[in-house]
Amino acid sequence: MTQVKAKRMTFAEYLNHDDDSDTRYDWSIPEYWIVDLHPAQVTVLKLINNTYQAKEYTDQQTIKSVVFSDLIITAKIVLNT
């Protein structure tokens, strides 16, 4: 039996990893948010040309959403800090 050790990577690295067998873009989810309490930030990932582009928001920065274009909310409110 051959054992293969999996490479550990961050979620952002996973999204940008291309092994020619992946189907993660098949659902075409236009945007998703990662809320991280440590460090206190909200990462918004937007699907642009079949690649997710990440933007981090902290404190009083207003989050810009392509899905909820009328939404006006800061990272601080999302994080409830």
Protein backbone atom coordinates (compact mmCIF):
# COMPACT_ATOMS: atom_id res chain seq x y z
CA MET A 1 0.00 0.00 0.00
CA THR A 2 1.29 3.44 -0.91
CA GLN A 3 0.72 6.23 1.53
CA VAL A 4 0.44 9.79 0.33
CA LYS A 5 0.82 12.59 2.82
CA ALA A 6 -1.70 15.36 2.15
CA LYS A 7 -0.32 18.85 1.84
CA ARG A 8 -1.73 21.16 4.49
CA MET A 9 -2.92 24.44 3.06
CA THR A 10 -5.06 27.36 4.02
CA PHE A 11 -8.54 27.68 2.60
CA ALA A 12 -7.38 30.52 0.34
CA GLU A 13 -4.54 28.32 -0.95
CA TYR A 14 -7.03 25.51 -1.59
CA LEU A 15 -9.23 27.82 -3.62
CA ASN A 16 -6.30 28.80 -5.81
CA HIS A 17 -4.90 25.26 -6.10
CA ASP A 18 -5.42 23.71 -9.54
CA ASP A 19 -4.89 19.98 -9.97
CA ASP A 20 -6.96 19.67 -13.17
CA SER A 21 -9.48 17.42 -11.42
CA ASP A 22 -11.37 19.84 -9.30
CA THR A 23 -15.02 20.71 -9.54
CA ARG A 24 -15.28 23.39 -6.88
CA TYR A 25 -16.44 26.00 -9.39
CA ASP A 26 -19.26 23.89 -10.83
CA TRP A 27 -21.83 25.45 -8.51
CA SER A 28 -20.80 28.98 -9.47
CA ILE A 29 -21.33 30.39 -6.00
CA PRO A 30 -20.74 34.09 -6.72
CA GLU A 31 -19.63 35.05 -3.22
CA TYR A 32 -19.11 33.68 0.26
CA TRP A 33 -17.89 35.07 3.55
CA ILE A 34 -15.51 33.67 6.13
CA VAL A 35 -15.95 35.17 9.59
CA ASP A 36 -12.81 34.74 11.67
CA LEU A 37 -12.80 35.87 15.28
CA HIS A 38 -9.00 35.47 15.70
CA PRO A 39 -7.82 37.61 14.00
CA ALA A 40 -11.02 39.62 13.97
CA GLN A 41 -11.74 39.87 10.27
CA VAL A 42 -14.31 39.02 7.63
CA THR A 43 -12.97 37.63 4.37
CA VAL A 44 -15.26 38.01 1.36
CA LEU A 45 -14.44 35.78 -1.59
CA LYS A 46 -15.91 36.69 -4.96
CA LEU A 47 -15.92 34.41 -8.00
CA ILE A 48 -14.28 36.29 -10.87
CA ASN A 49 -13.39 34.40 -14.06
CA ASN A 50 -13.62 31.01 -12.28
CA THR A 51 -11.23 32.12 -9.53
CA TYR A 52 -12.12 33.32 -6.06
CA GLN A 53 -10.63 36.70 -5.18
CA ALA A 54 -10.35 37.41 -1.45
CA LYS A 55 -10.71 40.74 0.33
CA GLU A 56 -10.31 41.07 4.10
CA TYR A 57 -12.34 43.54 6.14
CA THR A 58 -11.70 44.61 9.74
CA ASP A 59 -13.09 47.08 12.26
CA GLN A 60 -15.17 49.85 10.68
CA GLN A 61 -14.49 48.90 7.06
CA THR A 62 -17.71 48.62 5.08
CA ILE A 63 -18.11 45.20 3.46
CA LYS A 64 -18.98 45.34 -0.23
CA SER A 65 -21.11 42.46 -1.47
CA VAL A 66 -21.91 41.60 -5.08
CA VAL A 67 -24.83 39.45 -3.97
CA PHE A 68 -26.37 41.92 -1.53
CA SER A 69 -25.57 45.19 -3.30
CA ASP A 70 -27.80 47.26 -1.00
CA LEU A 71 -26.22 45.87 2.18
CA ILE A 72 -24.32 48.40 4.28
CA ILE A 73 -22.52 46.64 7.11
CA THR A 74 -19.13 46.86 8.76
CA ALA A 75 -16.85 44.03 9.80
CA LYS A 76 -17.28 45.13 13.42
CA ILE A 77 -21.04 44.54 13.21
CA VAL A 78 -20.60 41.10 11.63
CA LEU A 79 -18.03 40.17 14.26
CA ASN A 80 -20.19 41.67 17.02
CA THR A 81 -17.14 43.23 18.67
